[in-house]
Amino acid sequence: MKISYDKEADALNIVLKTGPVEKTVELSPLIFLDLDKKGDPLYIEILGASERVGKKNFGKIMIGKKLVGLPAFA
């Protein structure tokens, strides 16, 4: 799994596994899940991420019991 943050787009991107996207499902407004042809999840994108996560704490995310920094990319 790879988690990254696009500061310019204010988008949190989570790669569960790579592969060709067959279908994109809108889970809720501005949260999208990409599925492969078997219906398995590949990617999650959260738009407007800083408002959803909180600007003060943004840049890190809790995975299990570990606080992990999010790499920014252009």
PDB file of N, CA and C in Angstrom:
ATOM      1  N   MET A   1       0.853  -1.170   0.000  1.00  0.00           N
ATOM      2  CA  MET A   1       0.000   0.000   0.000  1.00  0.00           C
ATOM      3  C   MET A   1       0.900   1.235   0.000  1.00  0.00           C
ATOM      4  N   LYS A   2       0.499   2.217  -0.783  1.00  0.00           N
ATOM      5  CA  LYS A   2       1.237   3.486  -0.861  1.00  0.00           C
ATOM      6  C   LYS A   2       0.235   4.617  -0.641  1.00  0.00           C
ATOM      7  N   ILE A   3       0.589   5.551   0.223  1.00  0.00           N
ATOM      8  CA  ILE A   3      -0.267   6.701   0.506  1.00  0.00           C
ATOM      9  C   ILE A   3       0.517   7.957   0.168  1.00  0.00           C
ATOM     10  N   SER A   4      -0.101   8.861  -0.580  1.00  0.00           N
ATOM     11  CA  SER A   4       0.559  10.112  -0.917  1.00  0.00           C
ATOM     12  C   SER A   4      -0.472  11.235  -0.935  1.00  0.00           C
ATOM     13  N   TYR A   5       0.044  12.454  -0.880  1.00  0.00           N
ATOM     14  CA  TYR A   5      -0.800  13.638  -0.867  1.00  0.00           C
ATOM     15  C   TYR A   5      -0.341  14.592  -1.947  1.00  0.00           C
ATOM     16  N   ASP A   6      -1.266  15.016  -2.789  1.00  0.00           N
ATOM     17  CA  ASP A   6      -1.000  16.000  -3.828  1.00  0.00           C
ATOM     18  C   ASP A   6      -1.458  17.345  -3.285  1.00  0.00           C
ATOM     19  N   LYS A   7      -0.504  18.165  -2.850  1.00  0.00           N
ATOM     20  CA  LYS A   7      -0.826  19.446  -2.214  1.00  0.00           C
ATOM     21  C   LYS A   7      -1.556  20.390  -3.163  1.00  0.00           C
ATOM     22  N   GLU A   8      -1.141  20.433  -4.415  1.00  0.00           N
ATOM     23  CA  GLU A   8      -1.759  21.337  -5.394  1.00  0.00           C
ATOM     24  C   GLU A   8      -3.235  20.994  -5.624  1.00  0.00           C
ATOM     25  N   ALA A   9      -3.544  19.704  -5.709  1.00  0.00           N
ATOM     26  CA  ALA A   9      -4.927  19.261  -5.928  1.00  0.00           C
ATOM     27  C   ALA A   9      -5.672  19.030  -4.620  1.00  0.00           C
ATOM     28  N   ASP A  10      -4.962  19.082  -3.492  1.00  0.00           N
ATOM     29  CA  ASP A  10      -5.518  18.770  -2.165  1.00  0.00           C
ATOM     30  C   ASP A  10      -6.214  17.410  -2.199  1.00  0.00           C
ATOM     31  N   ALA A  11      -5.453  16.409  -2.699  1.00  0.00           N
ATOM     32  CA  ALA A  11      -5.995  15.064  -2.865  1.00  0.00           C
ATOM     33  C   ALA A  11      -5.124  14.042  -2.134  1.00  0.00           C
ATOM     34  N   LEU A  12      -5.762  13.209  -1.346  1.00  0.00           N
ATOM     35  CA  LEU A  12      -5.095  12.093  -0.689  1.00  0.00           C
ATOM     36  C   LEU A  12      -5.298  10.876  -1.581  1.00  0.00           C
ATOM     37  N   ASN A  13      -4.209  10.223  -1.940  1.00  0.00           N
ATOM     38  CA  ASN A  13      -4.258   9.080  -2.850  1.00  0.00           C
ATOM     39  C   ASN A  13      -3.724   7.847  -2.149  1.00  0.00           C
ATOM     40  N   ILE A  14      -4.493   6.766  -2.195  1.00  0.00           N
ATOM     41  CA  ILE A  14      -4.103   5.514  -1.562  1.00  0.00           C
ATOM     42  C   ILE A  14      -4.085   4.438  -2.647  1.00  0.00           C
ATOM     43  N   VAL A  15      -2.926   3.823  -2.830  1.00  0.00           N
ATOM     44  CA  VAL A  15      -2.784   2.736  -3.791  1.00  0.00           C
ATOM     45  C   VAL A  15      -2.811   1.435  -3.000  1.00  0.00           C
ATOM     46  N   LEU A  16      -3.844   0.651  -3.197  1.00  0.00           N
ATOM     47  CA  LEU A  16      -3.961  -0.643  -2.540  1.00  0.00           C
ATOM     48  C   LEU A  16      -3.198  -1.700  -3.334  1.00  0.00           C
ATOM     49  N   LYS A  17      -3.392  -1.691  -4.633  1.00  0.00           N
ATOM     50  CA  LYS A  17      -2.600  -2.489  -5.572  1.00  0.00           C
ATOM     51  C   LYS A  17      -2.728  -1.830  -6.932  1.00  0.00           C
ATOM     52  N   THR A  18      -1.746  -2.039  -7.778  1.00  0.00           N
ATOM     53  CA  THR A  18      -1.751  -1.402  -9.094  1.00  0.00           C
ATOM     54  C   THR A  18      -2.420  -2.300 -10.120  1.00  0.00           C
ATOM     55  N   GLY A  19      -2.922  -1.685 -11.159  1.00  0.00           N
ATOM     56  CA  GLY A  19      -3.547  -2.421 -12.241  1.00  0.00           C
ATOM     57  C   GLY A  19      -4.473  -1.526 -13.028  1.00  0.00           C
ATOM     58  N   PRO A  20      -4.985  -2.043 -14.140  1.00  0.00           N
ATOM     59  CA  PRO A  20      -5.901  -1.250 -14.951  1.00  0.00           C
ATOM     60  C   PRO A  20      -7.254  -1.073 -14.260  1.00  0.00           C
ATOM     61  N   VAL A  21      -7.765   0.137 -14.334  1.00  0.00           N
ATOM     62  CA  VAL A  21      -9.050   0.470 -13.703  1.00  0.00           C
ATOM     63  C   VAL A  21     -10.178   0.125 -14.665  1.00  0.00           C
ATOM     64  N   GLU A  22     -11.114  -0.653 -14.201  1.00  0.00           N
ATOM     65  CA  GLU A  22     -12.286  -1.020 -14.984  1.00  0.00           C
ATOM     66  C   GLU A  22     -13.459  -0.095 -14.665  1.00  0.00           C
ATOM     67  N   LYS A  23     -13.561   0.315 -13.389  1.00  0.00           N
ATOM     68  CA  LYS A  23     -14.717   1.098 -12.947  1.00  0.00           C
ATOM     69  C   LYS A  23     -14.322   1.970 -11.757  1.00  0.00           C
ATOM     70  N   THR A  24     -14.883   3.174 -11.704  1.00  0.00           N
ATOM     71  CA  THR A  24     -14.702   4.074 -10.562  1.00  0.00           C
ATOM     72  C   THR A  24     -16.048   4.261  -9.885  1.00  0.00           C
ATOM     73  N   VAL A  25     -16.053   4.078  -8.566  1.00  0.00           N
ATOM     74  CA  VAL A  25     -17.266   4.201  -7.765  1.00  0.00           C
ATOM     75  C   VAL A  25     -17.112   5.401  -6.837  1.00  0.00           C
ATOM     76  N   GLU A  26     -18.132   6.253  -6.773  1.00  0.00           N
ATOM     77  CA  GLU A  26     -18.117   7.378  -5.843  1.00  0.00           C
ATOM     78  C   GLU A  26     -18.689   6.876  -4.519  1.00  0.00           C
ATOM     79  N   LEU A  27     -17.829   6.763  -3.497  1.00  0.00           N
ATOM     80  CA  LEU A  27     -18.250   6.258  -2.194  1.00  0.00           C
ATOM     81  C   LEU A  27     -19.066   7.287  -1.429  1.00  0.00           C
ATOM     82  N   SER A  28     -18.659   8.529  -1.547  1.00  0.00           N
ATOM     83  CA  SER A  28     -19.376   9.675  -0.989  1.00  0.00           C
ATOM     84  C   SER A  28     -18.883  10.879  -1.769  1.00  0.00           C
ATOM     85  N   PRO A  29     -19.501  12.043  -1.580  1.00  0.00           N
ATOM     86  CA  PRO A  29     -19.031  13.197  -2.356  1.00  0.00           C
ATOM     87  C   PRO A  29     -17.515  13.405  -2.185  1.00  0.00           C
ATOM     88  N   LEU A  30     -16.813  13.429  -3.293  1.00  0.00           N
ATOM     89  CA  LEU A  30     -15.372  13.680  -3.379  1.00  0.00           C
ATOM     90  C   LEU A  30     -14.499  12.540  -2.868  1.00  0.00           C
ATOM     91  N   ILE A  31     -15.060  11.343  -2.696  1.00  0.00           N
ATOM     92  CA  ILE A  31     -14.271  10.156  -2.336  1.00  0.00           C
ATOM     93  C   ILE A  31     -14.566   9.070  -3.365  1.00  0.00           C
ATOM     94  N   PHE A  32     -13.503   8.626  -4.058  1.00  0.00           N
ATOM     95  CA  PHE A  32     -13.652   7.702  -5.176  1.00  0.00           C
ATOM     96  C   PHE A  32     -12.831   6.436  -4.964  1.00  0.00           C
ATOM     97  N   LEU A  33     -13.374   5.317  -5.424  1.00  0.00           N
ATOM     98  CA  LEU A  33     -12.718   4.024  -5.347  1.00  0.00           C
ATOM     99  C   LEU A  33     -12.627   3.447  -6.752  1.00  0.00           C
ATOM    100  N   ASP A  34     -11.415   3.117  -7.185  1.00  0.00           N
ATOM    101  CA  ASP A  34     -11.205   2.494  -8.491  1.00  0.00           C
ATOM    102  C   ASP A  34     -11.129   0.983  -8.311  1.00  0.00           C
ATOM    103  N   LEU A  35     -11.833   0.264  -9.193  1.00  0.00           N
ATOM    104  CA  LEU A  35     -11.894  -1.193  -9.131  1.00  0.00           C
ATOM    105  C   LEU A  35     -11.322  -1.801 -10.402  1.00  0.00           C
ATOM    106  N   ASP A  36     -10.773  -3.011 -10.289  1.00  0.00           N
ATOM    107  CA  ASP A  36     -10.312  -3.718 -11.469  1.00  0.00           C
ATOM    108  C   ASP A  36     -11.464  -4.523 -12.067  1.00  0.00           C
ATOM    109  N   LYS A  37     -11.207  -5.318 -13.101  1.00  0.00           N
ATOM    110  CA  LYS A  37     -12.283  -6.033 -13.785  1.00  0.00           C
ATOM    111  C   LYS A  37     -12.930  -7.111 -12.923  1.00  0.00           C
ATOM    112  N   LYS A  38     -12.246  -7.566 -11.866  1.00  0.00           N
ATOM    113  CA  LYS A  38     -12.818  -8.542 -10.929  1.00  0.00           C
ATOM    114  C   LYS A  38     -13.625  -7.869  -9.821  1.00  0.00           C
ATOM    115  N   GLY A  39     -13.563  -6.530  -9.757  1.00  0.00           N
ATOM    116  CA  GLY A  39     -14.248  -5.796  -8.706  1.00  0.00           C
ATOM    117  C   GLY A  39     -13.402  -5.589  -7.467  1.00  0.00           C
ATOM    118  N   ASP A  40     -12.108  -5.927  -7.572  1.00  0.00           N
ATOM    119  CA  ASP A  40     -11.193  -5.730  -6.444  1.00  0.00           C
ATOM    120  C   ASP A  40     -10.738  -4.268  -6.388  1.00  0.00           C
ATOM    121  N   PRO A  41     -10.606  -3.694  -5.182  1.00  0.00           N
ATOM    122  CA  PRO A  41     -10.185  -2.291  -5.063  1.00  0.00           C
ATOM    123  C   PRO A  41      -8.721  -2.103  -5.426  1.00  0.00           C
ATOM    124  N   LEU A  42      -8.464  -1.017  -6.168  1.00  0.00           N
ATOM    125  CA  LEU A  42      -7.103  -0.666  -6.565  1.00  0.00           C
ATOM    126  C   LEU A  42      -6.644   0.630  -5.911  1.00  0.00           C
ATOM    127  N   TYR A  43      -7.414   1.690  -6.098  1.00  0.00           N
ATOM    128  CA  TYR A  43      -7.014   3.034  -5.673  1.00  0.00           C
ATOM    129  C   TYR A  43      -8.177   3.741  -4.964  1.00  0.00           C
ATOM    130  N   ILE A  44      -7.835   4.564  -3.982  1.00  0.00           N
ATOM    131  CA  ILE A  44      -8.811   5.432  -3.320  1.00  0.00           C
ATOM    132  C   ILE A  44      -8.293   6.855  -3.466  1.00  0.00           C
ATOM    133  N   GLU A  45      -9.173   7.769  -3.845  1.00  0.00           N
ATOM    134  CA  GLU A  45      -8.800   9.183  -3.944  1.00  0.00           C
ATOM    135  C   GLU A  45      -9.793   9.997  -3.129  1.00  0.00           C
ATOM    136  N   ILE A  46      -9.251  10.849  -2.269  1.00  0.00           N
ATOM    137  CA  ILE A  46     -10.071  11.739  -1.444  1.00  0.00           C
ATOM    138  C   ILE A  46      -9.726  13.166  -1.835  1.00  0.00           C
ATOM    139  N   LEU A  47     -10.682  13.850  -2.467  1.00  0.00           N
ATOM    140  CA  LEU A  47     -10.494  15.244  -2.872  1.00  0.00           C
ATOM    141  C   LEU A  47     -10.906  16.162  -1.729  1.00  0.00           C
ATOM    142  N   GLY A  48     -10.279  17.327  -1.643  1.00  0.00           N
ATOM    143  CA  GLY A  48     -10.553  18.227  -0.524  1.00  0.00           C
ATOM    144  C   GLY A  48     -10.073  17.610   0.784  1.00  0.00           C
ATOM    145  N   ALA A  49      -8.970  16.892   0.697  1.00  0.00           N
ATOM    146  CA  ALA A  49      -8.485  16.081   1.818  1.00  0.00           C
ATOM    147  C   ALA A  49      -8.131  16.900   3.057  1.00  0.00           C
ATOM    148  N   SER A  50      -7.555  18.078   2.897  1.00  0.00           N
ATOM    149  CA  SER A  50      -7.136  18.842   4.078  1.00  0.00           C
ATOM    150  C   SER A  50      -8.329  19.247   4.938  1.00  0.00           C
ATOM    151  N   GLU A  51      -9.479  19.494   4.321  1.00  0.00           N
ATOM    152  CA  GLU A  51     -10.674  19.839   5.089  1.00  0.00           C
ATOM    153  C   GLU A  51     -11.271  18.610   5.763  1.00  0.00           C
ATOM    154  N   ARG A  52     -11.157  17.462   5.130  1.00  0.00           N
ATOM    155  CA  ARG A  52     -11.719  16.228   5.690  1.00  0.00           C
ATOM    156  C   ARG A  52     -10.864  15.683   6.830  1.00  0.00           C
ATOM    157  N   VAL A  53      -9.550  15.829   6.718  1.00  0.00           N
ATOM    158  CA  VAL A  53      -8.637  15.293   7.721  1.00  0.00           C
ATOM    159  C   VAL A  53      -8.339  16.327   8.800  1.00  0.00           C
ATOM    160  N   GLY A  54      -8.323  17.587   8.424  1.00  0.00           N
ATOM    161  CA  GLY A  54      -8.003  18.663   9.363  1.00  0.00           C
ATOM    162  C   GLY A  54      -6.647  19.249   9.023  1.00  0.00           C
ATOM    163  N   LYS A  55      -6.625  20.507   8.713  1.00  0.00           N
ATOM    164  CA  LYS A  55      -5.390  21.158   8.271  1.00  0.00           C
ATOM    165  C   LYS A  55      -4.290  21.106   9.318  1.00  0.00           C
ATOM    166  N   LYS A  56      -4.647  21.193  10.584  1.00  0.00           N
ATOM    167  CA  LYS A  56      -3.645  21.218  11.648  1.00  0.00           C
ATOM    168  C   LYS A  56      -2.866  19.899  11.705  1.00  0.00           C
ATOM    169  N   ASN A  57      -3.553  18.788  11.476  1.00  0.00           N
ATOM    170  CA  ASN A  57      -2.922  17.478  11.588  1.00  0.00           C
ATOM    171  C   ASN A  57      -2.582  16.853  10.249  1.00  0.00           C
ATOM    172  N   PHE A  58      -2.826  17.591   9.178  1.00  0.00           N
ATOM    173  CA  PHE A  58      -2.613  16.992   7.864  1.00  0.00           C
ATOM    174  C   PHE A  58      -1.128  16.821   7.602  1.00  0.00           C
ATOM    175  N   GLY A  59      -0.810  15.821   6.837  1.00  0.00           N
ATOM    176  CA  GLY A  59       0.588  15.503   6.553  1.00  0.00           C
ATOM    177  C   GLY A  59       1.005  14.209   7.216  1.00  0.00           C
ATOM    178  N   LYS A  60       0.191  13.709   8.138  1.00  0.00           N
ATOM    179  CA  LYS A  60       0.441  12.433   8.799  1.00  0.00           C
ATOM    180  C   LYS A  60      -0.868  11.676   8.900  1.00  0.00           C
ATOM    181  N   ILE A  61      -0.769  10.370   8.884  1.00  0.00           N
ATOM    182  CA  ILE A  61      -1.952   9.531   8.987  1.00  0.00           C
ATOM    183  C   ILE A  61      -1.622   8.344   9.893  1.00  0.00           C
ATOM    184  N   MET A  62      -2.597   7.884  10.659  1.00  0.00           N
ATOM    185  CA  MET A  62      -2.397   6.753  11.553  1.00  0.00           C
ATOM    186  C   MET A  62      -2.668   5.466  10.784  1.00  0.00           C
ATOM    187  N   ILE A  63      -1.680   4.583  10.747  1.00  0.00           N
ATOM    188  CA  ILE A  63      -1.846   3.266  10.148  1.00  0.00           C
ATOM    189  C   ILE A  63      -1.564   2.259  11.257  1.00  0.00           C
ATOM    190  N   GLY A  64      -2.616   1.590  11.686  1.00  0.00           N
ATOM    191  CA  GLY A  64      -2.486   0.719  12.858  1.00  0.00           C
ATOM    192  C   GLY A  64      -2.174   1.582  14.060  1.00  0.00           C
ATOM    193  N   LYS A  65      -1.051   1.349  14.695  1.00  0.00           N
ATOM    194  CA  LYS A  65      -0.631   2.150  15.851  1.00  0.00           C
ATOM    195  C   LYS A  65       0.526   3.083  15.516  1.00  0.00           C
ATOM    196  N   LYS A  66       0.814   3.207  14.225  1.00  0.00           N
ATOM    197  CA  LYS A  66       1.958   3.997  13.795  1.00  0.00           C
ATOM    198  C   LYS A  66       1.515   5.259  13.060  1.00  0.00           C
ATOM    199  N   LEU A  67       2.065   6.413  13.439  1.00  0.00           N
ATOM    200  CA  LEU A  67       1.800   7.676  12.770  1.00  0.00           C
ATOM    201  C   LEU A  67       2.815   7.817  11.637  1.00  0.00           C
ATOM    202  N   VAL A  68       2.316   7.920  10.402  1.00  0.00           N
ATOM    203  CA  VAL A  68       3.175   7.922   9.227  1.00  0.00           C
ATOM    204  C   VAL A  68       3.021   9.236   8.480  1.00  0.00           C
ATOM    205  N   GLY A  69       4.129   9.848   8.065  1.00  0.00           N
ATOM    206  CA  GLY A  69       4.094  11.066   7.265  1.00  0.00           C
ATOM    207  C   GLY A  69       3.687  10.764   5.840  1.00  0.00           C
ATOM    208  N   LEU A  70       2.980  11.696   5.223  1.00  0.00           N
ATOM    209  CA  LEU A  70       2.533  11.536   3.841  1.00  0.00           C
ATOM    210  C   LEU A  70       3.465  12.306   2.907  1.00  0.00           C
ATOM    211  N   PRO A  71       4.026  11.641   1.915  1.00  0.00           N
ATOM    212  CA  PRO A  71       4.870  12.357   0.963  1.00  0.00           C
ATOM    213  C   PRO A  71       4.018  13.232   0.041  1.00  0.00           C
ATOM    214  N   ALA A  72       4.489  14.412  -0.236  1.00  0.00           N
ATOM    215  CA  ALA A  72       3.789  15.303  -1.177  1.00  0.00           C
ATOM    216  C   ALA A  72       4.420  15.120  -2.547  1.00  0.00           C
ATOM    217  N   PHE A  73       3.615  15.265  -3.566  1.00  0.00           N
ATOM    218  CA  PHE A  73       4.143  15.203  -4.919  1.00  0.00           C
ATOM    219  C   PHE A  73       3.438  16.258  -5.751  1.00  0.00           C
ATOM    220  N   ALA A  74       4.099  16.670  -6.832  1.00  0.00           N
ATOM    221  CA  ALA A  74       3.546  17.710  -7.698  1.00  0.00           C
ATOM    222  C   ALA A  74       2.725  17.081  -8.730  1.00  0.00           C
TER     223      ALA A  74
END
